């Protein structure tokens, strides 16, 4: 695997695995056991229903969780491994006070995954006390290798990496044939 494709694959894996709903779902099941049927919205009440169901579909597609009859939503072995990776990422971030001295678990994991997606720092840059050392990031990168292989990359011919089911149809105005909400006078039109 070339360095460029390795970096692109790692960046894609970090992007997919840093979604807040996925982090919350995997760590919730890891900490408290399987989520009983029809209890998903009660377990994670601050996530909107459509976002929660999209996260569950994505986690099932990545083979991180599975539905077991009578038990509910539980982690697969790769999901348990990912929960361990999330814990390691949060420990690295907490040790280096990233992204702030006081913040939540999800923000710490997201910030560390963002750092992992960046190119490797030089030794002069890692001397800063607010940044994790290269050895910390290498250890976490090694933990992410199995997860990176499990995330399928879907690439549009002319665009960025996308998940197939994330595209939304655009509703066009019958009069102007522009997407609704983009005409003159609308605040986002440019």
C-alpha atoms as a PDB file:
ATOM      1  CA  UNK A   1       0.000   0.000   0.000  1.00  0.00           C
ATOM      2  CA  UNK A   2       1.446   3.364  -0.949  1.00  0.00           C
ATOM      3  CA  UNK A   3       1.821   6.171   1.526  1.00  0.00           C
ATOM      4  CA  UNK A   4      -0.808   8.312  -0.235  1.00  0.00           C
ATOM      5  CA  UNK A   5      -3.458   5.579  -0.288  1.00  0.00           C
ATOM      6  CA  UNK A   6      -2.574   4.644   3.303  1.00  0.00           C
ATOM      7  CA  UNK A   7      -3.041   8.261   4.405  1.00  0.00           C
ATOM      8  CA  UNK A   8      -6.306   8.541   2.466  1.00  0.00           C
ATOM      9  CA  UNK A   9      -7.620   5.295   3.962  1.00  0.00           C
ATOM     10  CA  UNK A  10      -6.633   6.351   7.465  1.00  0.00           C
ATOM     11  CA  UNK A  11      -8.279   9.755   6.987  1.00  0.00           C
ATOM     12  CA  UNK A  12     -11.484   8.096   5.730  1.00  0.00           C
ATOM     13  CA  UNK A  13     -11.521   5.639   8.647  1.00  0.00           C
ATOM     14  CA  UNK A  14     -10.999   8.480  11.129  1.00  0.00           C
ATOM     15  CA  UNK A  15     -13.823  10.466   9.536  1.00  0.00           C
ATOM     16  CA  UNK A  16     -16.266   7.563   9.669  1.00  0.00           C
ATOM     17  CA  UNK A  17     -15.313   6.515  13.197  1.00  0.00           C
ATOM     18  CA  UNK A  18     -15.430  10.063  14.606  1.00  0.00           C
ATOM     19  CA  UNK A  19     -19.166  10.547  14.126  1.00  0.00           C
ATOM     20  CA  UNK A  20     -20.672  11.477  17.504  1.00  0.00           C
ATOM     21  CA  UNK A  21     -23.597   9.069  17.250  1.00  0.00           C
ATOM     22  CA  UNK A  22     -21.321   6.136  16.509  1.00  0.00           C
ATOM     23  CA  UNK A  23     -19.011   7.005  19.395  1.00  0.00           C
ATOM     24  CA  UNK A  24     -21.950   7.306  21.784  1.00  0.00           C
ATOM     25  CA  UNK A  25     -23.625   4.086  20.593  1.00  0.00           C
ATOM     26  CA  UNK A  26     -20.505   1.913  20.794  1.00  0.00           C
ATOM     27  CA  UNK A  27     -19.403   3.244  24.179  1.00  0.00           C
ATOM     28  CA  UNK A  28     -22.937   3.002  25.622  1.00  0.00           C
ATOM     29  CA  UNK A  29     -23.227  -0.665  24.680  1.00  0.00           C
ATOM     30  CA  UNK A  30     -19.676  -1.327  25.886  1.00  0.00           C
ATOM     31  CA  UNK A  31     -20.283   0.342  29.251  1.00  0.00           C
ATOM     32  CA  UNK A  32     -23.836  -0.851  29.986  1.00  0.00           C
ATOM     33  CA  UNK A  33     -24.361  -3.997  27.917  1.00  0.00           C
ATOM     34  CA  UNK A  34     -26.847  -4.647  25.094  1.00  0.00           C
ATOM     35  CA  UNK A  35     -29.619  -2.154  24.443  1.00  0.00           C
ATOM     36  CA  UNK A  36     -33.018  -3.931  24.701  1.00  0.00           C
ATOM     37  CA  UNK A  37     -35.387  -3.806  21.711  1.00  0.00           C
ATOM     38  CA  UNK A  38     -37.322  -0.529  21.428  1.00  0.00           C
ATOM     39  CA  UNK A  39     -35.161   1.140  24.107  1.00  0.00           C
ATOM     40  CA  UNK A  40     -32.721   2.905  21.817  1.00  0.00           C
ATOM     41  CA  UNK A  41     -34.365   6.348  22.023  1.00  0.00           C
ATOM     42  CA  UNK A  42     -34.667   6.086  25.809  1.00  0.00           C
ATOM     43  CA  UNK A  43     -31.019   5.068  26.121  1.00  0.00           C
ATOM     44  CA  UNK A  44     -29.681   7.975  24.025  1.00  0.00           C
ATOM     45  CA  UNK A  45     -32.413  10.619  24.407  1.00  0.00           C
ATOM     46  CA  UNK A  46     -30.319  13.595  23.251  1.00  0.00           C
ATOM     47  CA  UNK A  47     -29.840  12.195  19.727  1.00  0.00           C
ATOM     48  CA  UNK A  48     -32.655  12.767  17.198  1.00  0.00           C
ATOM     49  CA  UNK A  49     -34.477   9.615  16.071  1.00  0.00           C
ATOM     50  CA  UNK A  50     -33.432   9.847  12.416  1.00  0.00           C
ATOM     51  CA  UNK A  51     -29.790  10.399  13.414  1.00  0.00           C
ATOM     52  CA  UNK A  52     -29.916   7.493  15.840  1.00  0.00           C
ATOM     53  CA  UNK A  53     -31.405   5.085  13.297  1.00  0.00           C
ATOM     54  CA  UNK A  54     -28.857   6.180  10.683  1.00  0.00           C
ATOM     55  CA  UNK A  55     -26.075   5.511  13.211  1.00  0.00           C
ATOM     56  CA  UNK A  56     -27.429   2.023  13.957  1.00  0.00           C
ATOM     57  CA  UNK A  57     -27.641   1.210  10.226  1.00  0.00           C
ATOM     58  CA  UNK A  58     -24.085   2.453   9.743  1.00  0.00           C
ATOM     59  CA  UNK A  59     -22.792   0.480  12.754  1.00  0.00           C
ATOM     60  CA  UNK A  60     -24.507  -2.671  11.435  1.00  0.00           C
ATOM     61  CA  UNK A  61     -23.023  -2.117   7.974  1.00  0.00           C
ATOM     62  CA  UNK A  62     -19.556  -1.761   9.518  1.00  0.00           C
ATOM     63  CA  UNK A  63     -20.242  -4.924  11.545  1.00  0.00           C
ATOM     64  CA  UNK A  64     -19.722  -3.142  14.860  1.00  0.00           C
ATOM     65  CA  UNK A  65     -23.147  -4.015  16.316  1.00  0.00           C
ATOM     66  CA  UNK A  66     -25.761  -6.677  15.661  1.00  0.00           C
ATOM     67  CA  UNK A  67     -29.388  -7.285  16.541  1.00  0.00           C
ATOM     68  CA  UNK A  68     -29.838 -10.411  18.641  1.00  0.00           C
ATOM     69  CA  UNK A  69     -33.376 -11.724  19.108  1.00  0.00           C
ATOM     70  CA  UNK A  70     -34.524 -11.275  22.683  1.00  0.00           C
ATOM     71  CA  UNK A  71     -31.334  -9.433  23.665  1.00  0.00           C
ATOM     72  CA  UNK A  72     -31.371  -6.326  21.484  1.00  0.00           C
ATOM     73  CA  UNK A  73     -28.475  -4.378  20.066  1.00  0.00           C
ATOM     74  CA  UNK A  74     -25.079  -5.753  21.116  1.00  0.00           C
ATOM     75  CA  UNK A  75     -21.456  -5.288  20.104  1.00  0.00           C
ATOM     76  CA  UNK A  76     -19.607  -7.631  17.781  1.00  0.00           C
ATOM     77  CA  UNK A  77     -15.964  -8.496  18.543  1.00  0.00           C
ATOM     78  CA  UNK A  78     -14.836  -5.679  16.218  1.00  0.00           C
ATOM     79  CA  UNK A  79     -17.227  -3.323  18.019  1.00  0.00           C
ATOM     80  CA  UNK A  80     -15.669  -4.280  21.353  1.00  0.00           C
ATOM     81  CA  UNK A  81     -12.250  -3.627  19.847  1.00  0.00           C
ATOM     82  CA  UNK A  82     -13.412  -0.224  18.643  1.00  0.00           C
ATOM     83  CA  UNK A  83     -14.681   0.584  22.146  1.00  0.00           C
ATOM     84  CA  UNK A  84     -11.179  -0.181  23.445  1.00  0.00           C
ATOM     85  CA  UNK A  85      -9.726   2.116  20.766  1.00  0.00           C
ATOM     86  CA  UNK A  86     -12.128   4.892  21.823  1.00  0.00           C
ATOM     87  CA  UNK A  87     -11.028   4.460  25.449  1.00  0.00           C
ATOM     88  CA  UNK A  88      -7.355   4.637  24.439  1.00  0.00           C
ATOM     89  CA  UNK A  89      -8.000   7.760  22.340  1.00  0.00           C
ATOM     90  CA  UNK A  90      -9.791   9.450  25.238  1.00  0.00           C
ATOM     91  CA  UNK A  91      -6.921   8.581  27.612  1.00  0.00           C
ATOM     92  CA  UNK A  92      -4.366  10.130  25.220  1.00  0.00           C
ATOM     93  CA  UNK A  93      -6.492  13.262  24.874  1.00  0.00           C
ATOM     94  CA  UNK A  94      -7.083  13.512  28.630  1.00  0.00           C
ATOM     95  CA  UNK A  95      -3.365  13.124  29.355  1.00  0.00           C
ATOM     96  CA  UNK A  96      -2.552  16.014  27.008  1.00  0.00           C
ATOM     97  CA  UNK A  97      -5.625  18.148  27.916  1.00  0.00           C
ATOM     98  CA  UNK A  98      -7.030  17.973  24.385  1.00  0.00           C
ATOM     99  CA  UNK A  99      -9.081  19.705  23.055  1.00  0.00           C
ATOM    100  CA  UNK A 100      -9.516  21.518  26.379  1.00  0.00           C
ATOM    101  CA  UNK A 101      -8.730  20.700  30.011  1.00  0.00           C
ATOM    102  CA  UNK A 102     -12.431  20.022  30.633  1.00  0.00           C
ATOM    103  CA  UNK A 103     -14.575  18.451  27.902  1.00  0.00           C
ATOM    104  CA  UNK A 104     -16.702  15.388  27.229  1.00  0.00           C
ATOM    105  CA  UNK A 105     -15.633  11.931  26.081  1.00  0.00           C
ATOM    106  CA  UNK A 106     -16.954  12.323  22.523  1.00  0.00           C
ATOM    107  CA  UNK A 107     -15.058  15.583  21.953  1.00  0.00           C
ATOM    108  CA  UNK A 108     -11.832  14.019  23.201  1.00  0.00           C
ATOM    109  CA  UNK A 109     -12.205  11.021  20.874  1.00  0.00           C
ATOM    110  CA  UNK A 110     -13.111  13.208  17.887  1.00  0.00           C
ATOM    111  CA  UNK A 111     -10.169  15.525  18.479  1.00  0.00           C
ATOM    112  CA  UNK A 112      -7.690  12.654  18.766  1.00  0.00           C
ATOM    113  CA  UNK A 113      -9.064  11.021  15.605  1.00  0.00           C
ATOM    114  CA  UNK A 114      -8.625  14.362  13.845  1.00  0.00           C
ATOM    115  CA  UNK A 115      -5.009  14.418  14.967  1.00  0.00           C
ATOM    116  CA  UNK A 116      -4.540  10.867  13.692  1.00  0.00           C
ATOM    117  CA  UNK A 117      -5.826  11.867  10.270  1.00  0.00           C
ATOM    118  CA  UNK A 118      -3.226  14.645  10.051  1.00  0.00           C
ATOM    119  CA  UNK A 119       0.259  13.974   8.666  1.00  0.00           C
ATOM    120  CA  UNK A 120       2.871  12.830  11.178  1.00  0.00           C
ATOM    121  CA  UNK A 121       4.481  15.708  13.057  1.00  0.00           C
ATOM    122  CA  UNK A 122       8.205  16.353  13.049  1.00  0.00           C
ATOM    123  CA  UNK A 123      10.149  15.882  16.270  1.00  0.00           C
ATOM    124  CA  UNK A 124      10.477  19.642  16.802  1.00  0.00           C
ATOM    125  CA  UNK A 125       6.712  20.049  16.610  1.00  0.00           C
ATOM    126  CA  UNK A 126       6.035  17.212  19.046  1.00  0.00           C
ATOM    127  CA  UNK A 127       8.153  18.890  21.715  1.00  0.00           C
ATOM    128  CA  UNK A 128       5.196  21.127  22.532  1.00  0.00           C
ATOM    129  CA  UNK A 129       3.534  19.994  25.741  1.00  0.00           C
ATOM    130  CA  UNK A 130      -0.003  20.540  24.420  1.00  0.00           C
ATOM    131  CA  UNK A 131       0.473  17.986  21.627  1.00  0.00           C
ATOM    132  CA  UNK A 132       0.574  14.215  22.058  1.00  0.00           C
ATOM    133  CA  UNK A 133       3.892  12.573  21.303  1.00  0.00           C
ATOM    134  CA  UNK A 134       4.474  10.648  18.090  1.00  0.00           C
ATOM    135  CA  UNK A 135       4.711   7.405  20.105  1.00  0.00           C
ATOM    136  CA  UNK A 136       1.223   7.974  21.552  1.00  0.00           C
ATOM    137  CA  UNK A 137      -0.226   8.494  18.093  1.00  0.00           C
ATOM    138  CA  UNK A 138       1.654   5.513  16.640  1.00  0.00           C
ATOM    139  CA  UNK A 139       0.190   3.251  19.313  1.00  0.00           C
ATOM    140  CA  UNK A 140      -3.329   4.476  18.575  1.00  0.00           C
ATOM    141  CA  UNK A 141      -2.709   4.172  14.817  1.00  0.00           C
ATOM    142  CA  UNK A 142      -1.742   0.541  15.369  1.00  0.00           C
ATOM    143  CA  UNK A 143      -5.015  -0.010  17.243  1.00  0.00           C
ATOM    144  CA  UNK A 144      -6.937   1.560  14.347  1.00  0.00           C
ATOM    145  CA  UNK A 145      -5.466  -0.716  11.634  1.00  0.00           C
ATOM    146  CA  UNK A 146      -8.161  -3.447  11.980  1.00  0.00           C
ATOM    147  CA  UNK A 147     -10.914  -0.810  12.126  1.00  0.00           C
ATOM    148  CA  UNK A 148      -9.543   0.924   9.012  1.00  0.00           C
ATOM    149  CA  UNK A 149      -9.773  -2.315   7.047  1.00  0.00           C
ATOM    150  CA  UNK A 150     -13.396  -2.778   8.137  1.00  0.00           C
ATOM    151  CA  UNK A 151     -14.524   0.622   6.797  1.00  0.00           C
ATOM    152  CA  UNK A 152     -15.299   0.337   3.077  1.00  0.00           C
ATOM    153  CA  UNK A 153     -14.318   3.389   1.054  1.00  0.00           C
ATOM    154  CA  UNK A 154     -16.944   4.563  -1.381  1.00  0.00           C
ATOM    155  CA  UNK A 155     -15.728   7.200  -3.756  1.00  0.00           C
ATOM    156  CA  UNK A 156     -17.681   9.175  -6.259  1.00  0.00           C
ATOM    157  CA  UNK A 157     -15.862   9.526  -9.551  1.00  0.00           C
ATOM    158  CA  UNK A 158     -15.507  13.295  -9.227  1.00  0.00           C
ATOM    159  CA  UNK A 159     -16.010  13.979  -5.551  1.00  0.00           C
ATOM    160  CA  UNK A 160     -14.962  13.259  -1.994  1.00  0.00           C
ATOM    161  CA  UNK A 161     -15.455  10.059  -0.068  1.00  0.00           C
ATOM    162  CA  UNK A 162     -19.112   9.509   0.766  1.00  0.00           C
ATOM    163  CA  UNK A 163     -21.333   6.954   2.340  1.00  0.00           C
ATOM    164  CA  UNK A 164     -23.817   5.641  -0.203  1.00  0.00           C
ATOM    165  CA  UNK A 165     -26.897   6.204   1.946  1.00  0.00           C
ATOM    166  CA  UNK A 166     -26.055   9.793   2.995  1.00  0.00           C
ATOM    167  CA  UNK A 167     -27.150  11.523  -0.198  1.00  0.00           C
ATOM    168  CA  UNK A 168     -30.379  13.461  -0.029  1.00  0.00           C
ATOM    169  CA  UNK A 169     -32.445  14.266  -3.103  1.00  0.00           C
ATOM    170  CA  UNK A 170     -32.683  17.933  -3.962  1.00  0.00           C
ATOM    171  CA  UNK A 171     -36.178  19.329  -4.349  1.00  0.00           C
ATOM    172  CA  UNK A 172     -36.313  21.725  -7.272  1.00  0.00           C
ATOM    173  CA  UNK A 173     -38.665  24.632  -7.755  1.00  0.00           C
ATOM    174  CA  UNK A 174     -41.062  24.038 -10.670  1.00  0.00           C
ATOM    175  CA  UNK A 175     -40.710  27.690 -11.723  1.00  0.00           C
ATOM    176  CA  UNK A 176     -36.962  28.356 -11.609  1.00  0.00           C
ATOM    177  CA  UNK A 177     -35.608  24.772 -11.752  1.00  0.00           C
ATOM    178  CA  UNK A 178     -33.220  25.661  -8.905  1.00  0.00           C
ATOM    179  CA  UNK A 179     -33.048  23.767  -5.642  1.00  0.00           C
ATOM    180  CA  UNK A 180     -35.564  25.205  -3.192  1.00  0.00           C
ATOM    181  CA  UNK A 181     -34.164  27.802  -0.828  1.00  0.00           C
ATOM    182  CA  UNK A 182     -31.364  28.932  -3.157  1.00  0.00           C
ATOM    183  CA  UNK A 183     -32.959  31.730  -5.174  1.00  0.00           C
ATOM    184  CA  UNK A 184     -32.346  35.487  -4.971  1.00  0.00           C
ATOM    185  CA  UNK A 185     -33.552  36.899  -1.707  1.00  0.00           C
ATOM    186  CA  UNK A 186     -32.763  33.736   0.196  1.00  0.00           C
ATOM    187  CA  UNK A 187     -30.012  34.323   2.712  1.00  0.00           C
ATOM    188  CA  UNK A 188     -27.804  31.409   1.568  1.00  0.00           C
ATOM    189  CA  UNK A 189     -27.911  32.235  -2.153  1.00  0.00           C
ATOM    190  CA  UNK A 190     -24.603  33.428  -3.602  1.00  0.00           C
END
